[in-house]
Amino acid sequence: MEPGVIAYKFLDEGGVGERVGFLPVLSGYVADVDRFVAQRRIPIAGFAAARAAERRDGPAAYEQERRVQAVWLAGRLELKGPGGRG
């Protein structure tokens, strides 16, 4: 799986299930993400999406997923990095 694909699907397209929902072991995470988003509990939805990535591709995938989510959030908030870099 591409790094951060779950975050992009969850955050931008609202479809984490498109990437991992077909895997029985991960379908519970998909249901959780959908429920949390519907309840506007976005932080826990991001965590659940990262856990799905970890279960599918290992511990490094969790970190990568959270990193991609952080970059996405910084972009949405128009935050700049050190020295004014985006």
Protein backbone atom coordinates (compact mmCIF):
# COMPACT_ATOMS: atom_id res chain seq x y z
CA MET A 1 0.00 0.00 0.00
CA GLU A 2 1.22 3.50 -0.75
CA PRO A 3 2.22 5.48 2.35
CA GLY A 4 -0.60 7.61 3.61
CA VAL A 5 -3.25 6.28 1.25
CA ILE A 6 -5.64 5.59 4.10
CA ALA A 7 -5.29 9.15 5.39
CA TYR A 8 -5.98 10.63 1.99
CA LYS A 9 -9.02 8.44 1.47
CA PHE A 10 -10.30 9.20 4.97
CA LEU A 11 -9.55 12.90 5.04
CA ASP A 12 -10.13 13.97 1.46
CA GLU A 13 -12.51 11.44 -0.02
CA GLY A 14 -14.18 9.92 3.04
CA GLY A 15 -13.63 6.38 1.83
CA VAL A 16 -11.11 4.48 3.95
CA GLY A 17 -13.19 1.40 3.16
CA GLU A 18 -12.23 1.62 -0.50
CA ARG A 19 -8.64 0.66 0.36
CA VAL A 20 -8.93 -1.75 3.28
CA GLY A 21 -12.62 -2.51 3.91
CA PHE A 22 -12.49 -5.64 1.78
CA LEU A 23 -10.06 -7.24 4.26
CA PRO A 24 -12.10 -8.95 6.99
CA VAL A 25 -9.57 -8.19 9.72
CA LEU A 26 -9.74 -4.47 8.89
CA SER A 27 -13.45 -4.05 8.20
CA GLY A 28 -14.08 -3.22 11.87
CA TYR A 29 -11.64 -0.33 11.63
CA VAL A 30 -13.46 0.95 8.55
CA ALA A 31 -16.79 0.85 10.37
CA ASP A 32 -15.20 2.68 13.30
CA VAL A 33 -13.74 5.40 11.05
CA ASP A 34 -17.09 5.92 9.34
CA ARG A 35 -18.91 6.11 12.68
CA PHE A 36 -16.36 8.49 14.22
CA VAL A 37 -16.48 10.79 11.20
CA ALA A 38 -20.29 10.84 11.32
CA GLN A 39 -20.02 11.80 14.99
CA ARG A 40 -17.43 14.47 14.07
CA ARG A 41 -14.87 12.72 16.29
CA ILE A 42 -12.10 13.32 13.77
CA PRO A 43 -9.07 12.76 16.05
CA ILE A 44 -10.16 9.23 16.96
CA ALA A 45 -11.09 8.55 13.34
CA GLY A 46 -7.51 9.45 12.34
CA PHE A 47 -6.19 7.09 15.00
CA ALA A 48 -8.42 4.27 13.75
CA ALA A 49 -7.27 4.86 10.17
CA ALA A 50 -3.64 4.69 11.32
CA ARG A 51 -4.31 1.46 13.23
CA ALA A 52 -5.81 -0.03 10.06
CA ALA A 53 -2.62 0.90 8.20
CA GLU A 54 -0.54 -0.70 10.96
CA ARG A 55 -2.59 -3.90 10.91
CA ARG A 56 -2.26 -4.12 7.15
CA ASP A 57 1.39 -3.14 6.64
CA GLY A 58 3.13 -3.18 10.03
CA PRO A 59 4.24 -0.68 12.70
CA ALA A 60 6.03 1.67 10.30
CA ALA A 61 2.74 2.13 8.41
CA TYR A 62 1.11 3.56 11.55
CA GLU A 63 3.81 6.23 11.83
CA GLN A 64 3.65 6.99 8.13
CA GLU A 65 -0.12 7.30 8.24
CA ARG A 66 -0.03 9.74 11.16
CA ARG A 67 2.73 11.73 9.44
CA VAL A 68 0.65 12.08 6.29
CA GLN A 69 -2.37 13.09 8.36
CA ALA A 70 -0.28 15.77 10.10
CA VAL A 71 0.96 17.14 6.78
CA TRP A 72 -2.61 17.15 5.45
CA LEU A 73 -3.84 19.01 8.54
CA ALA A 74 -1.02 21.57 8.39
CA GLY A 75 -1.90 22.24 4.76
CA ARG A 76 -5.58 22.67 5.55
CA LEU A 77 -4.69 25.11 8.34
CA GLU A 78 -2.21 26.85 6.03
CA LEU A 79 0.57 26.41 8.56
CA LYS A 80 4.13 27.14 7.52
CA GLY A 81 7.17 25.17 8.52
CA PRO A 82 10.34 26.62 10.01
CA GLY A 83 11.59 29.61 8.07
CA GLY A 84 8.20 30.15 6.41
CA ARG A 85 8.42 27.00 4.29
CA GLY A 86 5.19 25.20 3.48
